[in-house]
Amino acid sequence: MTYPQTPSTGELALQDRASLRRVAGLSTELTDVSEVEYRQLRLERVVLVGVWTDGTSADADASLAELAALAETAGSEVLEGLIQRRDKPDPSTYIGSGKAAELREVVLATGADTVICDGELSPAQLNSLEKVVKVKVIDRTALILDIFAQHATSREGKAQVSLAQMEYMLPRLRGWGESMSRQAGGRAGGAGGGVGTRGPGETKIETDRRRIRERMSKLRREIRDMKKVRDTQRSRRLTSDVASVAIVGYTNAGKSSLLNALTGAGVLVENALFATLEPTSRRGEFDDGRPFVLTDTVGFVRHLPTQLVEAFRSTLEEVVDADLLVHVVDGSDANPLAQISAVRQVIGEVIAEHDGRRAPELLVVNKIDATGDLELAQLRRALPDAVFVSAHSGDGLDRLRQRMGELVEPTDTMVDVTIPYERGDLVAKLHAEGRIDATEHGADGTRIKARVPIPLAASLGEFATF
């Protein structure tokens, strides 16, 4: 009799996420709007707009294509994309008044309900552009924050995303009409307010800002407390002499797939941006039998919001303490070298903040089974020290394990010693600090074959068995 297999945690998370996706084509639009108010429920339909300031036209197209992938990950339907060639973004409407009017025509023609800008807009730019296009306008930063909010599952992850959203929202808080500028207090607030409630009071928007700041302070305290727990767990790993390897890379480069391939972890794998927001650590072994801890970290993206870098700093600290950084690159991407540059920039910021040493970096070009021969040849020429693998098919994984073992210096070694019976303290130390492979009792003492830390091996030289 066969029993159904229980889904892994990653599979369940993937099923839950898929079940929450919006479904296109379901509408409650009424055919007769004369009797009741017109209502419509639909998938968020968006128009993308970007400003091309430098680089080639291919770079601008790739950036807008990435924005489209981000929008689809957030659950939107992309209808159209526009690029404006300018020396710098317009300080008023981001794309200039003429292009803004053209954008309004595109919104009307496509029936879009949202405009997403490929950059971070100031509060004034958001407000001015919304007045012209007359639909909701969000920028790249708000879009990425929304994706993180959808995908965060742990208590720490949710707190970090909430803090980042509030830091972004605070200077952009605005209202419509008089509701946000109306003051409470005085006789206008009612005669029953009592002592302490009279006077000029504060506006509605000031009240909201104060409450957001109070909530942000509370979140920072909670994140600090959760960071202490994470630091304790990390310090245990550091003092255990087990090598620490961190997987870093661009979002959707295949980091989680590589973690599964190297350790059999069974974590969530999805062909989507920012599928992993919670760091996952699993144990593995190098070819020589040495153990290591492999940690999957949050993926990066070009122009990653500074609010997210700050909020997820405790998560990114895994990079600081690592003995090796396995930098995964999507070989099938249109511009993998730009991905490498973006990831190294964020890693540099995190390490500079902690004034820590930078661990050796091993470049791993993933998805070679989905990359053309010409592109692979160009990458091999541009990245001669990289290891080329496919986490999906398993190609190149043996070479990757070998290179990882070479780059992480061993902290232990094999010994074959005969300890006299009167030195029971050394036998106890071998059992406490090493991994015993074989034990044999003879006339001269206890013969032990074990893997022990290098300093301990040096102190046992006089007992070596020849």
Protein backbone atom coordinates (compact mmCIF):
# COMPACT_ATOMS: atom_id res chain seq x y z
CA MET A 1 0.00 0.00 0.00
CA THR A 2 1.36 3.43 -0.93
CA TYR A 3 0.76 6.51 1.14
CA PRO A 4 0.57 10.05 -0.27
CA GLN A 5 3.69 12.09 0.38
CA THR A 6 3.35 15.07 2.69
CA PRO A 7 4.21 18.32 0.86
CA SER A 8 7.36 20.07 2.06
CA THR A 9 7.27 23.49 3.70
CA GLY A 10 8.46 25.09 0.46
CA GLU A 11 5.74 23.39 -1.58
CA LEU A 12 3.06 24.52 0.86
CA ALA A 13 4.36 28.10 0.73
CA LEU A 14 4.31 27.97 -3.05
CA GLN A 15 0.72 26.63 -3.05
CA ASP A 16 -0.40 29.33 -0.60
CA ARG A 17 1.18 32.06 -2.69
CA ALA A 18 -0.38 30.78 -5.90
CA SER A 19 -3.78 30.58 -4.27
CA LEU A 20 -3.66 34.29 -3.41
CA ARG A 21 -3.01 35.48 -6.95
CA ARG A 22 -5.59 37.76 -8.52
CA VAL A 23 -7.59 36.20 -11.33
CA ALA A 24 -8.08 38.16 -14.53
CA GLY A 25 -11.39 38.20 -16.34
CA LEU A 26 -13.68 38.17 -13.31
CA SER A 27 -15.87 41.26 -13.37
CA THR A 28 -18.86 42.62 -11.49
CA GLU A 29 -19.42 45.36 -14.05
CA LEU A 30 -23.15 45.94 -14.39
CA THR A 31 -24.79 46.02 -17.80
CA ASP A 32 -27.43 48.44 -16.62
CA VAL A 33 -25.93 51.38 -14.73
CA SER A 34 -29.12 53.43 -14.62
CA GLU A 35 -30.50 51.73 -11.50
CA VAL A 36 -27.46 51.52 -9.24
CA GLU A 37 -23.98 53.02 -8.94
CA TYR A 38 -21.51 51.84 -11.59
CA ARG A 39 -18.98 49.42 -10.11
CA GLN A 40 -16.19 47.37 -11.60
CA LEU A 41 -13.81 44.82 -10.10
CA ARG A 42 -10.77 43.99 -12.23
CA LEU A 43 -7.11 43.15 -12.20
CA GLU A 44 -4.94 46.23 -11.72
CA ARG A 45 -4.10 47.41 -15.22
CA VAL A 46 -0.92 49.43 -15.50
CA VAL A 47 1.04 51.58 -17.95
CA LEU A 48 4.81 51.80 -17.45
CA VAL A 49 6.87 54.91 -18.06
CA GLY A 50 10.62 55.42 -17.82
CA VAL A 51 13.19 58.16 -18.36
CA TRP A 52 16.28 57.24 -20.39
CA THR A 53 19.09 59.48 -19.11
CA ASP A 54 22.24 57.50 -19.91
CA GLY A 55 23.43 54.21 -21.40
CA THR A 56 22.18 52.62 -24.58
CA SER A 57 18.62 52.20 -25.77
CA ALA A 58 18.98 48.47 -25.04
CA ASP A 59 19.76 49.31 -21.40
CA ALA A 60 16.64 51.49 -21.20
CA ASP A 61 14.51 48.73 -22.76
CA ALA A 62 15.95 46.15 -20.33
CA SER A 63 15.17 48.39 -17.36
CA LEU A 64 11.55 48.81 -18.50
CA ALA A 65 11.29 45.04 -19.12
CA GLU A 66 12.45 44.43 -15.56
CA LEU A 67 9.84 46.92 -14.32
CA ALA A 68 7.21 44.94 -16.24
CA ALA A 69 8.37 41.73 -14.52
CA LEU A 70 8.14 43.48 -11.15
CA ALA A 71 4.62 44.70 -11.94
CA GLU A 72 3.51 41.21 -12.95
CA THR A 73 5.04 39.77 -9.77
CA ALA A 74 2.92 42.27 -7.80
CA GLY A 75 -0.19 40.95 -9.58
CA SER A 76 -0.73 43.62 -12.24
CA GLU A 77 -1.44 43.40 -15.95
CA VAL A 78 0.96 45.48 -18.04
CA LEU A 79 -0.78 47.20 -20.96
CA GLU A 80 1.80 49.61 -22.39
CA GLY A 81 5.30 51.00 -21.80
CA LEU A 82 6.70 54.42 -22.68
CA ILE A 83 10.27 55.76 -22.52
CA GLN A 84 11.17 59.45 -22.53
CA ARG A 85 14.70 60.51 -23.60
CA ARG A 86 15.91 63.30 -21.31
CA ASP A 87 19.14 64.55 -19.74
CA LYS A 88 17.53 64.20 -16.33
CA PRO A 89 14.00 63.59 -15.00
CA ASP A 90 11.70 66.61 -15.05
CA PRO A 91 11.56 68.09 -11.51
CA SER A 92 7.81 68.66 -11.80
CA THR A 93 6.20 65.71 -13.56
CA TYR A 94 9.23 63.34 -14.00
CA ILE A 95 8.64 63.06 -17.78
CA GLY A 96 7.79 66.64 -18.73
CA SER A 97 4.43 68.25 -19.42
CA GLY A 98 4.21 67.18 -23.09
CA LYS A 99 4.96 63.53 -22.35
CA ALA A 100 2.60 63.65 -19.35
CA ALA A 101 -0.25 64.77 -21.62
CA GLU A 102 0.64 61.94 -24.05
CA LEU A 103 0.64 59.53 -21.11
CA ARG A 104 -2.87 60.69 -20.22
CA GLU A 105 -4.02 59.79 -23.75
CA VAL A 106 -2.46 56.31 -23.43
CA VAL A 107 -4.20 55.81 -20.08
CA LEU A 108 -7.53 56.72 -21.62
CA ALA A 109 -6.98 54.53 -24.69
CA THR A 110 -5.93 51.43 -22.72
CA GLY A 111 -8.28 51.82 -19.76
CA ALA A 112 -5.39 51.66 -17.31
CA ASP A 113 -6.00 52.46 -13.65
CA THR A 114 -2.37 52.86 -12.55
CA VAL A 115 0.87 54.38 -13.88
CA ILE A 116 4.19 52.95 -12.65
CA CYS A 117 7.33 55.07 -13.07
CA ASP A 118 10.75 53.45 -13.46
CA GLY A 119 12.49 55.49 -10.77
CA GLU A 120 11.95 56.99 -7.34
CA LEU A 121 9.73 60.07 -7.53
CA SER A 122 9.61 62.91 -5.07
CA PRO A 123 6.28 63.70 -3.35
CA ALA A 124 5.87 66.76 -5.62
CA GLN A 125 6.46 64.71 -8.78
CA LEU A 126 3.92 62.08 -7.72
CA ASN A 127 1.32 64.73 -6.95
CA SER A 128 1.88 66.70 -10.18
CA LEU A 129 1.84 63.62 -12.43
CA GLU A 130 -1.35 62.29 -10.78
CA LYS A 131 -3.09 65.60 -11.48
CA VAL A 132 -2.27 65.26 -15.19
CA VAL A 133 -2.96 61.56 -15.81
CA LYS A 134 -5.87 61.46 -13.29
CA VAL A 135 -5.12 57.88 -12.15
CA LYS A 136 -2.99 56.45 -9.35
CA VAL A 137 0.77 56.93 -9.85
CA ILE A 138 3.39 54.86 -8.04
CA ASP A 139 7.14 54.61 -8.52
CA ARG A 140 9.58 51.70 -8.69
CA THR A 141 10.33 51.91 -4.96
CA ALA A 142 6.68 51.62 -3.95
CA LEU A 143 6.27 48.68 -6.33
CA ILE A 144 9.19 46.74 -4.83
CA LEU A 145 7.94 47.50 -1.32
CA ASP A 146 4.51 46.14 -2.31
CA ILE A 147 6.10 42.90 -3.58
CA PHE A 148 8.05 42.50 -0.36
CA ALA A 149 4.87 43.08 1.65
CA GLN A 150 3.07 40.33 -0.30
CA HIS A 151 5.87 37.78 0.10
CA ALA A 152 7.07 38.34 3.67
CA THR A 153 6.01 35.45 5.91
CA SER A 154 8.07 35.54 9.12
CA ARG A 155 7.44 37.97 11.96
CA GLU A 156 10.80 39.63 11.40
CA GLY A 157 10.28 39.88 7.64
CA LYS A 158 6.86 41.49 8.06
CA ALA A 159 8.23 43.97 10.61
CA GLN A 160 11.13 44.91 8.31
CA VAL A 161 8.83 45.48 5.33
CA SER A 162 6.35 47.52 7.42
CA LEU A 163 9.19 49.74 8.65
CA ALA A 164 10.48 50.26 5.10
CA GLN A 165 7.00 51.13 3.84
CA MET A 166 6.44 53.68 6.60
CA GLU A 167 9.83 55.31 6.00
CA TYR A 168 8.89 55.66 2.34
CA MET A 169 5.33 56.82 3.04
CA LEU A 170 6.06 59.42 5.73
CA PRO A 171 7.36 62.24 3.46
CA ARG A 172 4.74 61.36 0.81
CA LEU A 173 1.73 61.48 3.09
CA ARG A 174 -0.90 63.67 1.51
CA GLY A 175 -4.65 64.02 1.44
CA TRP A 176 -7.41 65.37 -0.73
CA GLY A 177 -9.89 68.08 0.12
CA GLU A 178 -10.11 69.63 3.55
CA SER A 179 -10.16 66.43 5.61
CA MET A 180 -6.38 66.30 5.99
CA SER A 181 -5.98 69.98 6.89
CA ARG A 182 -8.87 70.30 9.34
CA GLN A 183 -7.71 71.02 12.89
CA ALA A 184 -9.11 69.51 16.07
CA GLY A 185 -9.30 71.45 19.30
CA GLY A 186 -10.86 74.73 20.36
CA ARG A 187 -14.65 75.05 20.42
CA ALA A 188 -14.79 73.48 16.98
CA GLY A 189 -13.92 70.17 18.56
CA GLY A 190 -17.02 70.28 20.72
CA ALA A 191 -17.69 71.73 24.17
CA GLY A 192 -17.17 68.45 25.99
CA GLY A 193 -13.50 68.05 25.20
CA GLY A 194 -12.32 69.26 28.59
CA VAL A 195 -8.94 70.41 29.78
CA GLY A 196 -6.07 69.64 27.43
CA THR A 197 -8.19 69.34 24.29
CA ARG A 198 -8.69 73.03 23.56
CA GLY A 199 -6.32 75.18 21.51
CA PRO A 200 -5.11 75.06 17.94
CA GLY A 201 -4.64 71.26 18.02
CA GLU A 202 -3.01 69.46 15.11
CA THR A 203 -4.14 68.81 11.58
CA LYS A 204 -5.29 65.40 10.47
CA ILE A 205 -2.11 64.89 8.44
CA GLU A 206 0.03 65.83 11.46
CA THR A 207 -1.86 63.28 13.54
CA ASP A 208 -1.20 60.60 10.94
CA ARG A 209 2.48 61.48 10.78
CA ARG A 210 2.78 61.31 14.57
CA ARG A 211 1.11 57.90 14.66
CA ILE A 212 3.38 56.61 11.88
CA ARG A 213 6.49 57.80 13.76
CA GLU A 214 5.26 56.08 16.94
CA ARG A 215 4.65 52.86 15.00
CA MET A 216 8.10 53.10 13.39
CA SER A 217 9.76 53.46 16.80
CA LYS A 218 7.92 50.37 18.02
CA LEU A 219 8.93 48.39 14.94
CA ARG A 220 12.59 49.38 15.35
CA ARG A 221 12.53 48.11 18.94
CA GLU A 222 10.95 44.82 17.83
CA ILE A 223 13.51 44.35 15.04
CA ARG A 224 16.35 45.05 17.49
CA ASP A 225 15.00 42.38 19.84
CA MET A 226 14.66 39.87 16.98
CA LYS A 227 18.18 40.77 15.82
CA LYS A 228 19.55 39.67 19.20
CA VAL A 229 18.10 36.20 18.63
CA ARG A 230 19.58 36.08 15.13
CA ASP A 231 22.97 37.27 16.43
CA THR A 232 22.93 34.50 19.06
CA GLN A 233 22.23 31.86 16.43
CA ARG A 234 24.94 33.27 14.16
CA SER A 235 27.51 33.44 16.98
CA ARG A 236 26.90 29.76 17.71
CA ARG A 237 27.68 28.93 14.09
CA LEU A 238 30.82 31.11 14.15
CA THR A 239 32.19 29.47 17.31
CA SER A 240 31.48 25.96 16.04
CA ASP A 241 34.34 26.08 13.47
CA VAL A 242 31.85 25.10 10.76
CA ALA A 243 32.44 27.06 7.56
CA SER A 244 29.74 29.61 6.71
CA VAL A 245 28.85 30.07 3.03
CA ALA A 246 26.35 32.75 1.91
CA ILE A 247 24.53 32.59 -1.42
CA VAL A 248 24.04 36.09 -2.84
CA GLY A 249 22.83 37.33 -6.18
CA TYR A 250 20.21 39.09 -8.24
CA THR A 251 16.58 38.24 -7.67
CA ASN A 252 15.41 35.16 -9.60
CA ALA A 253 18.99 34.13 -10.41
CA GLY A 254 18.35 30.64 -9.02
CA LYS A 255 19.84 30.96 -5.52
CA SER A 256 17.20 28.81 -3.81
CA SER A 257 17.47 26.17 -6.56
CA LEU A 258 21.22 26.04 -5.98
CA LEU A 259 20.69 25.69 -2.21
CA ASN A 260 18.39 22.74 -2.87
CA ALA A 261 20.83 21.16 -5.32
CA LEU A 262 23.79 21.41 -2.92
CA THR A 263 22.05 20.44 0.33
CA GLY A 264 18.69 18.85 -0.58
CA ALA A 265 16.99 21.59 1.45
CA GLY A 266 13.60 21.51 -0.29
CA VAL A 267 13.01 25.27 0.14
CA LEU A 268 10.52 27.28 -1.93
CA VAL A 269 11.56 27.66 -5.56
CA GLU A 270 9.48 29.84 -7.87
CA ASN A 271 10.16 31.55 -11.18
CA ALA A 272 9.31 34.95 -9.72
CA LEU A 273 11.12 38.01 -8.46
CA PHE A 274 11.78 38.10 -4.70
CA ALA A 275 10.45 34.59 -4.04
CA THR A 276 12.88 34.39 -1.08
CA LEU A 277 12.68 37.04 1.64
CA GLU A 278 13.61 34.95 4.68
CA PRO A 279 17.21 33.69 4.99
CA THR A 280 17.38 29.88 5.01
CA SER A 281 20.40 27.98 6.39
CA ARG A 282 21.10 24.33 5.61
CA ARG A 283 24.02 22.05 6.38
CA GLY A 284 26.17 20.45 3.67
CA GLU A 285 29.58 18.83 3.20
CA PHE A 286 32.59 19.60 1.03
CA ASP A 287 34.17 16.82 -1.01
CA ASP A 288 36.69 16.13 1.78
CA GLY A 289 33.90 15.62 4.33
CA ARG A 290 34.18 18.99 6.07
CA PRO A 291 30.77 20.38 7.06
CA PHE A 292 29.55 23.83 6.07
CA VAL A 293 26.42 25.93 6.60
CA LEU A 294 24.91 27.33 3.39
CA THR A 295 22.62 30.37 3.76
CA ASP A 296 20.23 31.61 1.08
CA THR A 297 19.81 35.41 1.30
CA VAL A 298 17.40 38.01 -0.08
CA GLY A 299 17.86 38.71 -3.78
CA PHE A 300 18.96 42.13 -5.00
CA VAL A 301 17.76 44.27 -7.86
CA ARG A 302 18.95 47.42 -9.63
CA HIS A 303 18.03 50.56 -7.69
CA LEU A 304 17.07 48.56 -4.58
CA PRO A 305 15.27 51.05 -2.30
CA THR A 306 17.50 52.37 0.46
CA GLN A 307 14.62 51.84 2.90
CA LEU A 308 14.76 48.10 2.18
CA VAL A 309 18.54 47.92 2.54
CA GLU A 310 18.21 49.57 5.95
CA ALA A 311 15.26 47.45 7.08
CA PHE A 312 16.81 44.16 5.94
CA ARG A 313 20.27 44.99 7.29
CA SER A 314 20.05 42.29 9.98
CA THR A 315 19.21 39.74 7.28
CA LEU A 316 22.08 40.90 5.08
CA GLU A 317 24.53 40.62 7.99
CA GLU A 318 24.82 36.94 7.04
CA VAL A 319 27.00 38.24 4.20
CA VAL A 320 29.40 40.01 6.60
CA ASP A 321 30.24 36.93 8.67
CA ALA A 322 30.48 34.46 5.79
CA ASP A 323 33.72 32.62 4.99
CA LEU A 324 32.72 32.51 1.32
CA LEU A 325 30.24 34.37 -0.90
CA VAL A 326 28.71 32.27 -3.66
CA HIS A 327 27.56 34.97 -6.09
CA VAL A 328 24.90 33.46 -8.38
CA VAL A 329 24.32 35.05 -11.79
CA ASP A 330 21.51 34.29 -14.22
CA GLY A 331 23.36 33.36 -17.41
CA SER A 332 20.15 33.54 -19.46
CA ASP A 333 19.51 37.19 -18.52
CA ALA A 334 19.85 39.87 -21.17
CA ASN A 335 22.57 41.70 -19.18
CA PRO A 336 24.17 39.45 -16.53
CA LEU A 337 27.17 41.76 -16.08
CA ALA A 338 24.82 44.56 -14.94
CA GLN A 339 23.34 42.13 -12.40
CA ILE A 340 26.82 41.44 -11.01
CA SER A 341 27.51 45.17 -10.68
CA ALA A 342 24.21 45.83 -8.86
CA VAL A 343 24.77 43.00 -6.37
CA ARG A 344 28.35 44.03 -5.62
CA GLN A 345 27.21 47.60 -4.97
CA VAL A 346 24.71 46.50 -2.28
CA ILE A 347 27.18 44.06 -0.70
CA GLY A 348 29.78 46.83 -0.58
CA GLU A 349 27.33 49.10 1.26
CA VAL A 350 26.50 46.43 3.84
CA ILE A 351 30.12 45.47 4.49
CA ALA A 352 31.26 49.11 4.67
CA GLU A 353 28.57 49.75 7.30
CA HIS A 354 30.03 47.00 9.52
CA ASP A 355 33.67 47.79 8.68
CA GLY A 356 34.17 44.06 8.20
CA ARG A 357 36.47 42.01 6.04
CA ARG A 358 35.18 40.93 2.68
CA ALA A 359 34.98 37.18 2.21
CA PRO A 360 36.26 35.57 -1.02
CA GLU A 361 33.70 35.68 -3.82
CA LEU A 362 32.98 32.73 -6.10
CA LEU A 363 31.02 33.70 -9.21
CA VAL A 364 28.55 31.03 -10.30
CA VAL A 365 26.80 31.43 -13.66
CA ASN A 366 23.52 29.52 -13.32
CA LYS A 367 20.88 28.41 -15.86
CA ILE A 368 23.41 27.40 -18.51
CA ASP A 369 20.82 24.96 -19.85
CA ALA A 370 18.67 27.98 -20.80
CA THR A 371 21.54 30.07 -22.23
CA GLY A 372 22.59 30.15 -25.86
CA ASP A 373 26.03 28.89 -26.96
CA LEU A 374 27.14 32.34 -28.15
CA GLU A 375 26.10 34.00 -24.88
CA LEU A 376 27.87 31.27 -22.87
CA ALA A 377 31.07 31.77 -24.87
CA GLN A 378 30.93 35.52 -24.24
CA LEU A 379 30.37 34.98 -20.50
CA ARG A 380 33.23 32.47 -20.24
CA ARG A 381 35.52 35.05 -21.86
CA ALA A 382 34.26 37.90 -19.61
CA LEU A 383 34.23 35.81 -16.40
CA PRO A 384 37.19 33.40 -16.64
CA ASP A 385 37.14 32.52 -12.91
CA ALA A 386 33.41 31.73 -12.75
CA VAL A 387 31.91 28.26 -12.40
CA PHE A 388 29.15 27.48 -14.92
CA VAL A 389 26.31 25.31 -13.59
CA SER A 390 22.68 24.39 -13.98
CA ALA A 391 20.94 23.88 -10.65
CA HIS A 392 18.03 22.40 -12.60
CA SER A 393 19.94 19.67 -14.47
CA GLY A 394 22.89 19.30 -12.10
CA ASP A 395 25.57 20.19 -14.69
CA GLY A 396 28.71 21.66 -13.11
CA LEU A 397 27.69 21.04 -9.47
CA ASP A 398 30.67 18.71 -8.81
CA ARG A 399 33.06 21.39 -10.03
CA LEU A 400 31.24 23.95 -7.85
CA ARG A 401 31.64 21.83 -4.70
CA GLN A 402 35.32 21.39 -5.50
CA ARG A 403 35.89 25.15 -5.92
CA MET A 404 33.96 25.91 -2.71
CA GLY A 405 36.19 23.50 -0.80
CA GLU A 406 39.31 25.08 -2.28
CA LEU A 407 38.29 28.63 -1.37
CA VAL A 408 37.26 27.85 2.23
CA GLU A 409 40.43 27.09 4.12
CA PRO A 410 40.07 24.03 6.38
CA THR A 411 39.96 24.70 10.10
CA ASP A 412 40.47 21.02 10.97
CA THR A 413 42.56 18.08 9.84
CA MET A 414 42.77 14.29 10.16
CA VAL A 415 44.95 12.79 12.93
CA ASP A 416 45.99 9.23 13.78
CA VAL A 417 47.27 9.23 17.37
CA THR A 418 47.90 6.74 20.17
CA ILE A 419 47.06 8.29 23.54
CA PRO A 420 48.54 6.67 26.67
CA TYR A 421 45.93 5.38 29.11
CA GLU A 422 47.07 7.85 31.78
CA ARG A 423 46.16 10.78 29.47
CA GLY A 424 42.41 10.34 29.62
CA ASP A 425 42.07 14.14 29.51
CA LEU A 426 43.33 14.15 25.90
CA VAL A 427 40.91 11.40 24.90
CA ALA A 428 38.07 13.44 26.39
CA LYS A 429 39.28 16.53 24.50
CA LEU A 430 39.37 14.60 21.23
CA HIS A 431 35.79 13.50 21.75
CA ALA A 432 34.68 17.01 22.74
CA GLU A 433 36.34 18.98 19.93
CA GLY A 434 36.78 16.46 17.12
CA ARG A 435 34.86 13.91 15.08
CA ILE A 436 35.98 10.38 15.89
CA ASP A 437 36.25 8.01 12.92
CA ALA A 438 37.78 4.96 14.65
CA THR A 439 38.94 3.88 18.12
CA GLU A 440 41.18 0.92 18.98
CA HIS A 441 42.57 -0.14 22.38
CA GLY A 442 46.11 -1.55 22.36
CA ALA A 443 49.00 -2.28 24.69
CA ASP A 444 50.43 1.25 24.48
CA GLY A 445 47.15 3.13 24.79
CA THR A 446 44.06 4.17 22.81
CA ARG A 447 44.55 4.63 19.07
CA ILE A 448 42.18 7.24 17.66
CA LYS A 449 41.59 8.37 14.09
CA ALA A 450 39.66 11.65 14.08
CA ARG A 451 39.17 15.01 12.40
CA VAL A 452 40.11 17.75 14.88
CA PRO A 453 40.79 21.53 14.82
CA ILE A 454 44.25 22.36 13.47
CA PRO A 455 45.54 23.83 16.82
CA LEU A 456 44.57 20.63 18.65
CA ALA A 457 46.23 18.51 15.97
CA ALA A 458 49.48 20.45 16.45
CA SER A 459 49.43 19.79 20.21
CA LEU A 460 49.04 16.04 19.62
CA GLY A 461 52.11 15.69 17.38
CA GLU A 462 54.11 13.65 19.91
CA PHE A 463 51.38 10.98 19.98
CA ALA A 464 51.17 10.51 16.22
CA THR A 465 50.99 6.90 15.05
CA PHE A 466 53.42 5.98 12.30
